[in-house]
Amino acid sequence: MFGMGFTEILIIAVIAILFLGPDKLPSTMIEIAKFFRNAKSAIGNVKDTIEEEMHVADIKSEALQYKAQLEEASSQLHKVTDIKSTVSSEIDSILNDEDDAPKKPTSPYAEEQVTFKKKKKKEPAEEKSDVKIEEEIKDV
């Protein structure tokens, strides 16, 4: 209460008992409680009167409506003027469509098939022509 701790309230109570005495203390506490209650209600009445005079609630609702309209307009303006991100997202989507095809991993080494068959030697072109000529002669 009023930023006071328990020990501070206890000290004030002891001092009040010493100065007022046990006879006047209860009636004084009642009067203090009535004063705080009246002060609180008076402050509430003043606050209500000021709000009624200024129509704070109406002004507040209008201000909130204007704020919502401004936020909507600014978001629309941002969408219209944000051409760079729109174009870049469209370009990215176009480029990504081409890149969707699965790519084969490329390696610097060619794949070799392992077999246990002997490879035939390739004969030089001159020897083939000589061999063909000899076979043709034999056939004739």
C-alpha atoms as a PDB file:
ATOM      1  CA  MET A   1       0.000   0.000   0.000  1.00  0.00           C
ATOM      2  CA  PHE A   2       1.494   3.345  -1.143  1.00  0.00           C
ATOM      3  CA  GLY A   3       4.869   1.643  -1.667  1.00  0.00           C
ATOM      4  CA  MET A   4       5.285   0.859   2.033  1.00  0.00           C
ATOM      5  CA  GLY A   5       6.427  -2.447   3.405  1.00  0.00           C
ATOM      6  CA  PHE A   6       5.121  -4.334   6.424  1.00  0.00           C
ATOM      7  CA  THR A   7       7.782  -2.976   8.774  1.00  0.00           C
ATOM      8  CA  GLU A   8       7.028   0.642   7.819  1.00  0.00           C
ATOM      9  CA  ILE A   9       3.299   0.144   8.429  1.00  0.00           C
ATOM     10  CA  LEU A  10       4.090  -1.492  11.786  1.00  0.00           C
ATOM     11  CA  ILE A  11       6.239   1.456  12.841  1.00  0.00           C
ATOM     12  CA  ILE A  12       3.476   3.927  11.889  1.00  0.00           C
ATOM     13  CA  ALA A  13       0.926   1.864  13.873  1.00  0.00           C
ATOM     14  CA  VAL A  14       3.158   1.864  16.973  1.00  0.00           C
ATOM     15  CA  ILE A  15       3.649   5.647  16.744  1.00  0.00           C
ATOM     16  CA  ALA A  16      -0.126   6.159  16.276  1.00  0.00           C
ATOM     17  CA  ILE A  17      -0.844   4.052  19.386  1.00  0.00           C
ATOM     18  CA  LEU A  18       1.665   6.096  21.406  1.00  0.00           C
ATOM     19  CA  PHE A  19       0.300   9.505  20.312  1.00  0.00           C
ATOM     20  CA  LEU A  20      -3.434   8.780  20.069  1.00  0.00           C
ATOM     21  CA  GLY A  21      -3.765   6.212  22.774  1.00  0.00           C
ATOM     22  CA  PRO A  22      -5.894   3.115  22.735  1.00  0.00           C
ATOM     23  CA  ASP A  23      -9.147   5.068  23.235  1.00  0.00           C
ATOM     24  CA  LYS A  24      -9.006   7.348  20.170  1.00  0.00           C
ATOM     25  CA  LEU A  25      -7.193   4.961  17.754  1.00  0.00           C
ATOM     26  CA  PRO A  26     -10.245   2.972  16.477  1.00  0.00           C
ATOM     27  CA  SER A  27     -12.305   6.089  15.716  1.00  0.00           C
ATOM     28  CA  THR A  28      -9.300   7.731  14.025  1.00  0.00           C
ATOM     29  CA  MET A  29      -8.731   4.640  11.824  1.00  0.00           C
ATOM     30  CA  ILE A  30     -12.408   4.740  10.770  1.00  0.00           C
ATOM     31  CA  GLU A  31     -12.119   8.423   9.850  1.00  0.00           C
ATOM     32  CA  ILE A  32      -8.927   7.767   7.831  1.00  0.00           C
ATOM     33  CA  ALA A  33     -10.644   4.910   5.952  1.00  0.00           C
ATOM     34  CA  LYS A  34     -13.646   7.175   5.173  1.00  0.00           C
ATOM     35  CA  PHE A  35     -11.278   9.883   3.894  1.00  0.00           C
ATOM     36  CA  PHE A  36      -9.499   7.500   1.502  1.00  0.00           C
ATOM     37  CA  ARG A  37     -12.847   6.095   0.280  1.00  0.00           C
ATOM     38  CA  ASN A  38     -14.206   9.605  -0.369  1.00  0.00           C
ATOM     39  CA  ALA A  39     -10.964  10.663  -2.128  1.00  0.00           C
ATOM     40  CA  LYS A  40     -11.089   7.596  -4.351  1.00  0.00           C
ATOM     41  CA  SER A  41     -14.714   8.192  -5.353  1.00  0.00           C
ATOM     42  CA  ALA A  42     -14.035  11.898  -5.981  1.00  0.00           C
ATOM     43  CA  ILE A  43     -11.130  11.054  -8.289  1.00  0.00           C
ATOM     44  CA  GLY A  44     -13.344   8.545 -10.156  1.00  0.00           C
ATOM     45  CA  ASN A  45     -16.104  11.164 -10.553  1.00  0.00           C
ATOM     46  CA  VAL A  46     -13.660  13.743 -11.909  1.00  0.00           C
ATOM     47  CA  LYS A  47     -12.267  11.220 -14.365  1.00  0.00           C
ATOM     48  CA  ASP A  48     -15.766  10.269 -15.587  1.00  0.00           C
ATOM     49  CA  THR A  49     -16.729  13.919 -15.990  1.00  0.00           C
ATOM     50  CA  ILE A  50     -13.643  14.710 -18.031  1.00  0.00           C
ATOM     51  CA  GLU A  51     -14.246  11.683 -20.261  1.00  0.00           C
ATOM     52  CA  GLU A  52     -17.864  12.731 -20.824  1.00  0.00           C
ATOM     53  CA  GLU A  53     -16.887  16.284 -21.668  1.00  0.00           C
ATOM     54  CA  MET A  54     -14.207  15.315 -24.106  1.00  0.00           C
ATOM     55  CA  HIS A  55     -16.017  12.303 -25.573  1.00  0.00           C
ATOM     56  CA  VAL A  56     -12.792  10.382 -25.254  1.00  0.00           C
ATOM     57  CA  ALA A  57     -14.380   7.076 -26.152  1.00  0.00           C
ATOM     58  CA  ASP A  58     -15.739   8.429 -29.441  1.00  0.00           C
ATOM     59  CA  ILE A  59     -12.473  10.084 -30.320  1.00  0.00           C
ATOM     60  CA  LYS A  60     -10.595   6.904 -29.458  1.00  0.00           C
ATOM     61  CA  SER A  61     -12.796   4.736 -31.687  1.00  0.00           C
ATOM     62  CA  GLU A  62     -12.442   7.205 -34.565  1.00  0.00           C
ATOM     63  CA  ALA A  63      -8.685   7.260 -34.113  1.00  0.00           C
ATOM     64  CA  LEU A  64      -8.562   3.456 -34.211  1.00  0.00           C
ATOM     65  CA  GLN A  65     -10.626   3.439 -37.428  1.00  0.00           C
ATOM     66  CA  TYR A  66      -8.283   5.983 -39.039  1.00  0.00           C
ATOM     67  CA  LYS A  67      -5.299   3.934 -37.905  1.00  0.00           C
ATOM     68  CA  ALA A  68      -6.733   0.779 -39.501  1.00  0.00           C
ATOM     69  CA  GLN A  69      -7.406   2.659 -42.763  1.00  0.00           C
ATOM     70  CA  LEU A  70      -3.868   4.062 -42.808  1.00  0.00           C
ATOM     71  CA  GLU A  71      -2.323   0.646 -42.188  1.00  0.00           C
ATOM     72  CA  GLU A  72      -4.392  -0.875 -44.997  1.00  0.00           C
ATOM     73  CA  ALA A  73      -3.439   1.915 -47.392  1.00  0.00           C
ATOM     74  CA  SER A  74       0.243   1.640 -46.508  1.00  0.00           C
ATOM     75  CA  SER A  75       0.209  -2.124 -47.058  1.00  0.00           C
ATOM     76  CA  GLN A  76      -1.439  -1.663 -50.471  1.00  0.00           C
ATOM     77  CA  LEU A  77       1.084   1.020 -51.359  1.00  0.00           C
ATOM     78  CA  HIS A  78       3.914  -1.266 -50.295  1.00  0.00           C
ATOM     79  CA  LYS A  79       2.561  -4.058 -52.513  1.00  0.00           C
ATOM     80  CA  VAL A  80       2.289  -1.735 -55.508  1.00  0.00           C
ATOM     81  CA  THR A  81       5.706  -0.154 -55.099  1.00  0.00           C
ATOM     82  CA  ASP A  82       7.524  -3.394 -54.301  1.00  0.00           C
ATOM     83  CA  ILE A  83       8.103  -4.297 -57.959  1.00  0.00           C
ATOM     84  CA  LYS A  84      11.636  -5.512 -57.358  1.00  0.00           C
ATOM     85  CA  SER A  85      10.631  -8.403 -55.103  1.00  0.00           C
ATOM     86  CA  THR A  86       7.689  -9.309 -57.337  1.00  0.00           C
ATOM     87  CA  VAL A  87       9.822  -9.458 -60.461  1.00  0.00           C
ATOM     88  CA  SER A  88      12.652 -11.267 -58.722  1.00  0.00           C
ATOM     89  CA  SER A  89      10.266 -13.889 -57.315  1.00  0.00           C
ATOM     90  CA  GLU A  90       8.806 -14.446 -60.799  1.00  0.00           C
ATOM     91  CA  ILE A  91      12.296 -14.786 -62.295  1.00  0.00           C
ATOM     92  CA  ASP A  92      13.284 -17.199 -59.545  1.00  0.00           C
ATOM     93  CA  SER A  93      10.189 -19.313 -60.182  1.00  0.00           C
ATOM     94  CA  ILE A  94      10.948 -19.419 -63.921  1.00  0.00           C
ATOM     95  CA  LEU A  95      14.558 -20.394 -63.312  1.00  0.00           C
ATOM     96  CA  ASN A  96      13.594 -23.004 -60.752  1.00  0.00           C
ATOM     97  CA  ASP A  97      11.148 -24.608 -63.198  1.00  0.00           C
ATOM     98  CA  GLU A  98      14.038 -25.273 -65.585  1.00  0.00           C
ATOM     99  CA  ASP A  99      16.227 -26.570 -62.812  1.00  0.00           C
ATOM    100  CA  ASP A 100      13.625 -29.047 -61.544  1.00  0.00           C
ATOM    101  CA  ALA A 101      14.807 -31.762 -63.955  1.00  0.00           C
ATOM    102  CA  PRO A 102      17.027 -34.225 -62.095  1.00  0.00           C
ATOM    103  CA  LYS A 103      20.669 -33.698 -62.839  1.00  0.00           C
ATOM    104  CA  LYS A 104      23.116 -36.526 -63.191  1.00  0.00           C
ATOM    105  CA  PRO A 105      26.142 -36.107 -61.010  1.00  0.00           C
ATOM    106  CA  THR A 106      29.181 -35.343 -63.065  1.00  0.00           C
ATOM    107  CA  SER A 107      32.502 -36.841 -62.150  1.00  0.00           C
ATOM    108  CA  PRO A 108      35.902 -36.310 -63.695  1.00  0.00           C
ATOM    109  CA  TYR A 109      36.266 -40.044 -64.273  1.00  0.00           C
ATOM    110  CA  ALA A 110      34.292 -41.989 -66.871  1.00  0.00           C
ATOM    111  CA  GLU A 111      32.399 -45.007 -65.655  1.00  0.00           C
ATOM    112  CA  GLU A 112      33.896 -48.274 -66.767  1.00  0.00           C
ATOM    113  CA  GLN A 113      32.167 -51.580 -67.056  1.00  0.00           C
ATOM    114  CA  VAL A 114      34.102 -54.497 -65.612  1.00  0.00           C
ATOM    115  CA  THR A 115      34.025 -57.650 -67.732  1.00  0.00           C
ATOM    116  CA  PHE A 116      36.171 -60.733 -67.912  1.00  0.00           C
ATOM    117  CA  LYS A 117      36.144 -60.971 -71.720  1.00  0.00           C
ATOM    118  CA  LYS A 118      39.238 -60.366 -73.745  1.00  0.00           C
ATOM    119  CA  LYS A 119      39.259 -57.281 -75.818  1.00  0.00           C
ATOM    120  CA  LYS A 120      39.997 -57.611 -79.514  1.00  0.00           C
ATOM    121  CA  LYS A 121      42.937 -55.714 -80.820  1.00  0.00           C
ATOM    122  CA  LYS A 122      42.167 -53.140 -83.399  1.00  0.00           C
ATOM    123  CA  GLU A 123      44.184 -53.517 -86.517  1.00  0.00           C
ATOM    124  CA  PRO A 124      45.602 -50.523 -88.255  1.00  0.00           C
ATOM    125  CA  ALA A 125      43.644 -49.308 -91.263  1.00  0.00           C
ATOM    126  CA  GLU A 126      46.339 -50.391 -93.772  1.00  0.00           C
ATOM    127  CA  GLU A 127      46.416 -53.958 -92.485  1.00  0.00           C
ATOM    128  CA  LYS A 128      42.644 -54.263 -92.746  1.00  0.00           C
ATOM    129  CA  SER A 129      42.657 -53.178 -96.306  1.00  0.00           C
ATOM    130  CA  ASP A 130      45.411 -55.728 -97.135  1.00  0.00           C
ATOM    131  CA  VAL A 131      43.540 -58.494 -95.350  1.00  0.00           C
ATOM    132  CA  LYS A 132      40.338 -57.708 -97.183  1.00  0.00           C
ATOM    133  CA  ILE A 133      42.162 -57.715-100.504  1.00  0.00           C
ATOM    134  CA  GLU A 134      43.689 -61.151 -99.756  1.00  0.00           C
ATOM    135  CA  GLU A 135      40.306 -62.578 -98.781  1.00  0.00           C
ATOM    136  CA  GLU A 136      38.747 -61.256-101.960  1.00  0.00           C
ATOM    137  CA  ILE A 137      41.498 -62.886-103.994  1.00  0.00           C
ATOM    138  CA  LYS A 138      40.926 -66.231-102.279  1.00  0.00           C
ATOM    139  CA  ASP A 139      37.188 -66.021-102.874  1.00  0.00           C
ATOM    140  CA  VAL A 140      37.640 -65.486-106.580  1.00  0.00           C
END
